[in-house]
Amino acid sequence: MRTALNAEVLTRRLTYNPAAYAVPTRPAAPERSCWTPARAAAFLRHNDTAHADQLTDLFELMIGTGLRRGEALGLHWHDVHLAERRLYVRWSLTAVGNNHLHLGPPKTRASRAWIALSPRVTAALTRQARFYHALLPAGPAGGTGLRQRRRLTVAAAVGASAENCVHPGQHPS
């Protein structure tokens, strides 16, 4: 309405826009519900038995730590310390215009933090670490190419290739 009246002011059909200072009401956000531990465990069991895919471990990570989706997908392996059962949230993966992935800082400053890992989350990340270790190419002298692949993130578990990921300081082409 405001835009239509502004157009009329520009064409001099109106001398002023009566809606210029109107404040539209914001719709109330729907109330969020939180799963109980029993419901979360039932979801994880169902996903594991019905689908048995890598997303089960991603869901385990998100439910067990409270990470946002982008924070979980932007997680780098060098920020995961399985022996100490903790991880550091340093990155968040976001979609830019549904065409490119952007790896940037987390949504809030408080999100950049160390997070303790439960035994279930540690087991899920250990499974993923074994899976990715098997995928890595052999490095020089028969070792793994782990150092060359430090940007390998959890996002690869859901099909986002590292080549499509825009890192800080880069611009989507």
Foldseek 3Di string as FASTA:
>chain_A
DQVVQVVCCVVVVDVDRPCPPPDDDDDDDDDDDDDDPVVLVVVLVCCCVVPVALVSLLSCQCVQFVDDPQQQQQFWPVQQDLVQQKGFRAWGWDQDVVQAIEIDGDPDPVNGGITGHDPSNSVSVVVVVVVVQVVFDQDPPRHGPCVVPRSDHCNVSVPDDPVRYHYPPGDDD
